[in-house]
Amino acid sequence: GLDPYRNDHATWVLQLSRGDFFLCSSEEQRTFYLGFLAALGRLNPDRVAEDPDLAGLIAPVPFGLPEELPPHRPVLPPPEPGRCRLLFGGLYDWYDPWTLLEALELLGGDSWQLLLVRNPNAEGTPQRLFAEVEARCRKRGWWGKEVVAIDWVPAERRYDLLRDVTLMVSPHKPSLETRLSLRTRFLDALAAGCPAVTSEGGAMSSLLLEHRAGWVVPPEDPAALAAALREILEDPAALEARRQGAAELRHRFAWSHVLEPLVAFCRNPQQDPTKEAFAFRPPTVAPPDDLVFRLKRWWSRRR
């Protein structure tokens, strides 16, 4: 809506025009914010001459991972013999469960079980997608057998759940959000040595390919996703190789490593001497609200 847009855009303009050092989660996000900073005058001749790569202005500091995981305490009972557990996780609008369900139909057989996670705050989180997936799986005869909903797992037990499953598989639809986000659920999976399958686009797909820590398929391509899942189910050596790649990524994202740019700045904080001369601070504008929206907002504020 327009109210969140105005608030978020004004916050961006205020922070990016006045801050001295900025953090983001990935190189993709850094490029995005550099464009915003350029529009606000923060990428100016004086600043670039002093700091050509602008590493002193904005640096990736992603979500970190523990150096060592706690001992494994299983959350789930042992899997059925010969059946791989596939963890999707929670269902949110930017994910694409439909391509996965079509891929599983192409795959067939009974060598897999898909786990979905119920949101514990259903009243405050849209549940439309979960309900639609449940309805389709019930119609297919999968619900409660091939596709199972499990309860939310406390954050401190998430690595236990991820060590109880064979694979994380969470394809997404192409969008700006999926291209720029880091996908912390995948980082948790990699920390637990759990390989992942995802769609092309964004920082996580690049990491999976670079470190051979999972499989990346074209978005909205059930046949390609089914082929990746078939390789996983039929080739234990390929799965083990990806598991090793996933475990190696944990060291790259250890908190002690990812926080280095922030620690360096805190030890030697520097103000940007160019911002007052060059920073551009425009007002945030948006089209006027229509009458119905204004009446709804007025009524909601009176309640």
Protein backbone atom coordinates (compact mmCIF):
# COMPACT_ATOMS: atom_id res chain seq x y z
CA GLY A 1 0.00 0.00 0.00
CA LEU A 2 0.94 3.65 -0.25
CA ASP A 3 1.39 4.20 3.50
CA PRO A 4 4.14 1.54 3.86
CA TYR A 5 5.71 2.77 0.61
CA ARG A 6 5.91 6.35 1.87
CA ASN A 7 7.31 5.26 5.23
CA ASP A 8 9.88 2.85 3.78
CA HIS A 9 11.00 5.19 1.02
CA ALA A 10 11.36 8.12 3.41
CA THR A 11 13.36 5.91 5.78
CA TRP A 12 15.67 4.85 2.95
CA VAL A 13 16.24 8.45 1.84
CA LEU A 14 16.92 9.58 5.42
CA GLN A 15 19.32 6.76 6.27
CA LEU A 16 21.19 6.52 2.96
CA SER A 17 21.71 10.27 2.70
CA ARG A 18 23.07 10.63 6.25
CA GLY A 19 24.81 7.38 7.23
CA ASP A 20 28.57 6.89 7.13
CA PHE A 21 28.73 3.10 6.70
CA PHE A 22 26.10 0.68 5.46
CA LEU A 23 25.63 -3.08 5.71
CA CYS A 24 23.84 -5.45 3.36
CA SER A 25 23.56 -9.23 2.97
CA SER A 26 25.15 -9.95 -0.41
CA GLU A 27 26.92 -8.54 -3.44
CA GLU A 28 23.54 -8.43 -5.22
CA GLN A 29 22.14 -6.22 -2.46
CA ARG A 30 25.30 -4.11 -2.48
CA THR A 31 24.82 -3.35 -6.18
CA PHE A 32 21.17 -2.45 -5.51
CA TYR A 33 22.05 -0.05 -2.69
CA LEU A 34 24.95 1.47 -4.63
CA GLY A 35 22.40 2.56 -7.22
CA PHE A 36 20.31 4.21 -4.52
CA LEU A 37 23.39 5.83 -2.99
CA ALA A 38 24.45 7.14 -6.40
CA ALA A 39 21.03 8.75 -6.89
CA LEU A 40 21.39 10.48 -3.51
CA GLY A 41 24.82 11.93 -4.32
CA ARG A 42 26.81 9.61 -2.07
CA LEU A 43 28.85 8.25 -5.02
CA ASN A 44 30.56 11.49 -5.94
CA PRO A 45 33.97 12.34 -7.46
CA ASP A 46 35.60 13.08 -4.09
CA ARG A 47 34.37 9.87 -2.47
CA VAL A 48 35.29 7.64 -5.40
CA ALA A 49 38.76 9.21 -5.65
CA GLU A 50 39.37 8.37 -1.98
CA ASP A 51 37.69 4.92 -1.99
CA PRO A 52 37.42 3.55 -5.57
CA ASP A 53 35.64 0.30 -4.60
CA LEU A 54 33.53 2.08 -1.95
CA ALA A 55 34.36 -0.71 0.51
CA GLY A 56 34.44 1.91 3.25
CA LEU A 57 30.90 3.02 2.44
CA ILE A 58 28.95 -0.24 2.11
CA ALA A 59 29.97 -3.84 2.77
CA PRO A 60 28.22 -7.22 2.72
CA VAL A 61 27.71 -8.56 6.25
CA PRO A 62 25.32 -11.49 5.81
CA PHE A 63 23.56 -13.65 8.33
CA GLY A 64 26.23 -15.64 10.16
CA LEU A 65 26.50 -19.27 11.24
CA PRO A 66 27.96 -20.91 14.34
CA GLU A 67 31.47 -22.28 14.16
CA GLU A 68 30.27 -25.56 15.64
CA LEU A 69 26.79 -27.04 15.86
CA PRO A 70 25.35 -28.43 19.09
CA PRO A 71 25.06 -32.22 19.39
CA HIS A 72 22.25 -33.63 17.28
CA ARG A 73 18.99 -34.28 19.16
CA PRO A 74 16.48 -35.61 16.61
CA VAL A 75 13.20 -33.75 16.25
CA LEU A 76 11.58 -36.32 13.94
CA PRO A 77 11.27 -40.08 14.33
CA PRO A 78 13.56 -42.19 12.11
CA PRO A 79 12.51 -42.12 8.43
CA GLU A 80 10.95 -45.10 6.76
CA PRO A 81 13.59 -47.33 5.14
CA GLY A 82 14.38 -46.25 1.58
CA ARG A 83 12.47 -42.97 1.83
CA CYS A 84 14.17 -39.55 1.55
CA ARG A 85 12.76 -36.64 3.50
CA LEU A 86 12.48 -33.38 1.57
CA LEU A 87 12.03 -30.24 3.69
CA PHE A 88 10.27 -27.27 2.13
CA GLY A 89 9.82 -25.27 5.34
CA GLY A 90 7.23 -22.53 5.73
CA LEU A 91 5.07 -21.46 2.79
CA TYR A 92 5.25 -17.79 1.82
CA ASP A 93 4.10 -15.90 -1.25
CA TRP A 94 7.52 -15.68 -2.93
CA TYR A 95 8.03 -19.46 -2.90
CA ASP A 96 6.74 -21.76 -5.61
CA PRO A 97 5.30 -25.01 -4.21
CA TRP A 98 3.35 -25.67 -7.40
CA THR A 99 6.41 -26.41 -9.52
CA LEU A 100 7.64 -28.76 -6.80
CA LEU A 101 4.31 -30.61 -6.62
CA GLU A 102 4.30 -31.00 -10.42
CA ALA A 103 7.89 -32.28 -10.28
CA LEU A 104 6.94 -34.83 -7.62
CA GLU A 105 4.06 -36.03 -9.81
CA LEU A 106 6.56 -36.53 -12.65
CA LEU A 107 8.90 -38.30 -10.26
CA GLY A 108 6.27 -40.69 -8.95
CA GLY A 109 7.15 -43.58 -6.69
CA ASP A 110 7.19 -43.75 -2.91
CA SER A 111 10.86 -43.01 -2.23
CA TRP A 112 10.24 -39.48 -0.94
CA GLN A 113 8.28 -37.57 1.68
CA LEU A 114 7.79 -33.80 1.60
CA LEU A 115 7.63 -31.86 4.88
CA LEU A 116 5.91 -28.49 5.22
CA VAL A 117 6.10 -26.37 8.37
CA ARG A 118 2.98 -24.81 9.88
CA ASN A 119 3.27 -21.19 10.94
CA PRO A 120 2.58 -20.86 14.69
CA ASN A 121 1.05 -17.38 14.21
CA ALA A 122 -1.62 -18.22 11.67
CA GLU A 123 -3.77 -15.24 12.68
CA GLY A 124 -1.02 -12.78 11.73
CA THR A 125 0.43 -14.54 8.68
CA PRO A 126 -1.38 -15.11 5.36
CA GLN A 127 -2.37 -18.78 5.15
CA ARG A 128 -3.90 -18.82 1.68
CA LEU A 129 -0.96 -20.59 0.04
CA PHE A 130 -0.75 -23.25 2.75
CA ALA A 131 -4.49 -23.94 2.44
CA GLU A 132 -4.28 -24.21 -1.35
CA VAL A 133 -1.32 -26.61 -1.18
CA GLU A 134 -3.11 -28.74 1.41
CA ALA A 135 -6.24 -28.87 -0.77
CA ARG A 136 -4.27 -29.96 -3.83
CA CYS A 137 -2.37 -32.63 -1.90
CA ARG A 138 -5.59 -33.98 -0.38
CA LYS A 139 -7.11 -34.21 -3.84
CA ARG A 140 -4.03 -36.10 -5.01
CA GLY A 141 -4.22 -38.43 -1.99
CA TRP A 142 -0.82 -37.30 -0.68
CA TRP A 143 -1.77 -35.36 2.45
CA GLY A 144 -0.60 -37.01 5.64
CA LYS A 145 1.48 -39.58 3.76
CA GLU A 146 3.69 -38.29 0.94
CA VAL A 147 3.17 -34.68 2.07
CA VAL A 148 3.18 -34.03 5.82
CA ALA A 149 2.71 -30.81 7.79
CA ILE A 150 4.86 -30.56 10.91
CA ASP A 151 4.73 -28.07 13.76
CA TRP A 152 7.01 -25.06 14.01
CA VAL A 153 10.39 -25.93 15.45
CA PRO A 154 11.97 -23.54 17.99
CA ALA A 155 14.93 -21.62 16.57
CA GLU A 156 17.39 -23.34 18.89
CA ARG A 157 16.31 -26.74 17.45
CA ARG A 158 16.40 -25.83 13.77
CA TYR A 159 19.73 -27.56 13.14
CA ASP A 160 18.32 -30.74 14.67
CA LEU A 161 15.44 -30.72 12.18
CA LEU A 162 17.80 -30.03 9.28
CA ARG A 163 19.93 -33.02 10.26
CA ASP A 164 16.80 -35.18 10.33
CA VAL A 165 16.09 -34.63 6.62
CA THR A 166 17.84 -35.56 3.39
CA LEU A 167 17.43 -32.32 1.49
CA MET A 168 15.96 -28.83 1.56
CA VAL A 169 13.97 -28.03 -1.57
CA SER A 170 12.31 -24.60 -1.84
CA PRO A 171 11.90 -23.33 -5.41
CA HIS A 172 10.80 -19.74 -5.92
CA LYS A 173 9.16 -17.62 -8.58
CA PRO A 174 11.22 -14.99 -10.43
CA SER A 175 10.89 -11.61 -8.73
CA LEU A 176 12.95 -8.69 -7.47
CA GLU A 177 12.58 -10.01 -3.91
CA THR A 178 13.98 -13.43 -4.74
CA ARG A 179 16.82 -11.92 -6.76
CA LEU A 180 17.96 -9.66 -3.90
CA SER A 181 17.25 -11.75 -0.80
CA LEU A 182 19.86 -14.02 0.75
CA ARG A 183 17.53 -16.84 1.93
CA THR A 184 18.55 -17.52 5.52
CA ARG A 185 16.69 -20.84 5.59
CA PHE A 186 19.21 -22.15 3.07
CA LEU A 187 22.14 -20.91 5.14
CA ASP A 188 20.82 -22.84 8.12
CA ALA A 189 20.49 -25.93 5.93
CA LEU A 190 24.05 -25.62 4.65
CA ALA A 191 25.33 -25.16 8.21
CA ALA A 192 23.75 -28.50 9.07
CA GLY A 193 25.35 -30.16 6.05
CA CYS A 194 21.95 -30.43 4.37
CA PRO A 195 22.18 -29.90 0.59
CA ALA A 196 19.56 -27.72 -1.08
CA VAL A 197 17.64 -27.43 -4.32
CA THR A 198 16.46 -24.01 -5.44
CA SER A 199 15.61 -21.96 -8.51
CA GLU A 200 18.02 -19.84 -10.53
CA GLY A 201 18.36 -16.22 -9.49
CA GLY A 202 19.81 -14.55 -6.42
CA ALA A 203 22.81 -14.95 -4.16
CA MET A 204 21.93 -18.39 -2.85
CA SER A 205 21.74 -20.08 -6.25
CA SER A 206 25.19 -18.68 -7.06
CA LEU A 207 26.60 -20.00 -3.77
CA LEU A 208 25.14 -23.46 -4.32
CA LEU A 209 26.71 -23.69 -7.76
CA GLU A 210 30.07 -22.21 -6.74
CA HIS A 211 30.52 -24.61 -3.83
CA ARG A 212 28.65 -27.61 -5.30
CA ALA A 213 26.42 -27.53 -2.23
CA GLY A 214 23.16 -28.32 -4.01
CA TRP A 215 21.22 -28.20 -7.24
CA VAL A 216 19.95 -25.14 -9.12
CA VAL A 217 17.19 -25.46 -11.71
CA PRO A 218 15.40 -22.98 -14.00
CA PRO A 219 12.39 -21.37 -12.31
CA GLU A 220 8.95 -22.83 -13.01
CA ASP A 221 10.43 -25.89 -14.76
CA PRO A 222 8.92 -29.07 -13.25
CA ALA A 223 10.85 -31.39 -15.58
CA ALA A 224 14.23 -29.92 -14.59
CA LEU A 225 13.33 -30.08 -10.91
CA ALA A 226 12.16 -33.68 -11.26
CA ALA A 227 15.46 -34.58 -12.95
CA ALA A 228 17.43 -33.05 -10.07
CA LEU A 229 15.35 -34.92 -7.50
CA ARG A 230 15.76 -38.16 -9.43
CA GLU A 231 19.55 -37.76 -9.34
CA ILE A 232 19.38 -37.17 -5.60
CA LEU A 233 17.25 -40.26 -4.99
CA GLU A 234 19.23 -42.54 -7.29
CA ASP A 235 22.84 -41.37 -6.81
CA PRO A 236 24.01 -41.46 -3.16
CA ALA A 237 27.52 -40.37 -4.23
CA ALA A 238 26.19 -37.15 -5.78
CA LEU A 239 24.20 -36.44 -2.63
CA GLU A 240 27.22 -37.02 -0.40
CA ALA A 241 29.40 -34.74 -2.55
CA ARG A 242 26.83 -31.93 -2.21
CA ARG A 243 26.63 -32.59 1.52
CA GLN A 244 30.39 -32.01 1.80
CA GLY A 245 30.09 -28.81 -0.21
CA ALA A 246 27.31 -27.62 2.09
CA ALA A 247 29.40 -28.27 5.19
CA GLU A 248 32.34 -26.32 3.75
CA LEU A 249 30.14 -23.26 3.26
CA ARG A 250 29.52 -23.08 7.01
CA HIS A 251 33.10 -21.89 7.55
CA ARG A 252 32.72 -19.13 4.96
CA PHE A 253 29.65 -17.80 6.80
CA ALA A 254 30.96 -18.19 10.35
CA TRP A 255 30.09 -15.16 12.47
CA SER A 256 33.77 -14.49 13.14
CA HIS A 257 34.33 -14.12 9.40
CA VAL A 258 31.22 -12.35 8.13
CA LEU A 259 31.40 -9.66 10.84
CA GLU A 260 34.93 -8.56 9.89
CA PRO A 261 33.86 -5.41 7.95
CA LEU A 262 31.64 -4.26 10.82
CA VAL A 263 34.30 -4.97 13.45
CA ALA A 264 36.88 -3.06 11.38
CA PHE A 265 34.58 -0.03 11.13
CA CYS A 266 33.77 -0.09 14.85
CA ARG A 267 37.48 -0.17 15.68
CA ASN A 268 38.17 2.78 13.39
CA PRO A 269 34.91 4.62 12.64
CA GLN A 270 35.14 7.20 9.87
CA GLN A 271 32.69 9.91 8.89
CA ASP A 272 32.15 10.45 5.18
CA PRO A 273 33.60 13.94 4.63
CA THR A 274 31.80 14.31 1.29
CA LYS A 275 28.20 13.70 2.30
CA GLU A 276 27.26 17.23 3.40
CA ALA A 277 28.58 18.73 0.18
CA PHE A 278 27.02 16.19 -2.17
CA ALA A 279 24.11 14.40 -0.46
CA PHE A 280 20.71 14.93 -2.11
CA ARG A 281 17.70 14.65 0.23
CA PRO A 282 14.49 14.78 -1.80
CA PRO A 283 11.04 14.57 -0.24
CA THR A 284 9.23 11.26 -0.56
CA VAL A 285 6.16 11.51 -2.75
CA ALA A 286 3.47 9.11 -3.91
CA PRO A 287 0.13 9.42 -5.70
CA PRO A 288 -2.70 10.65 -3.45
CA ASP A 289 -4.79 7.99 -1.74
CA ASP A 290 -8.21 7.37 -3.19
CA LEU A 291 -11.30 8.17 -1.12
CA VAL A 292 -12.10 4.56 -0.19
CA PHE A 293 -8.56 3.98 1.12
CA ARG A 294 -8.67 7.18 3.18
CA LEU A 295 -12.03 6.23 4.69
CA LYS A 296 -10.74 2.74 5.63
CA ARG A 297 -7.64 4.23 7.21
CA TRP A 298 -9.71 6.78 9.14
CA TRP A 299 -12.01 4.05 10.42
CA SER A 300 -9.16 1.73 11.42
CA ARG A 301 -7.53 4.52 13.44
CA ARG A 302 -10.76 5.15 15.35
CA ARG A 303 -11.09 1.52 16.47
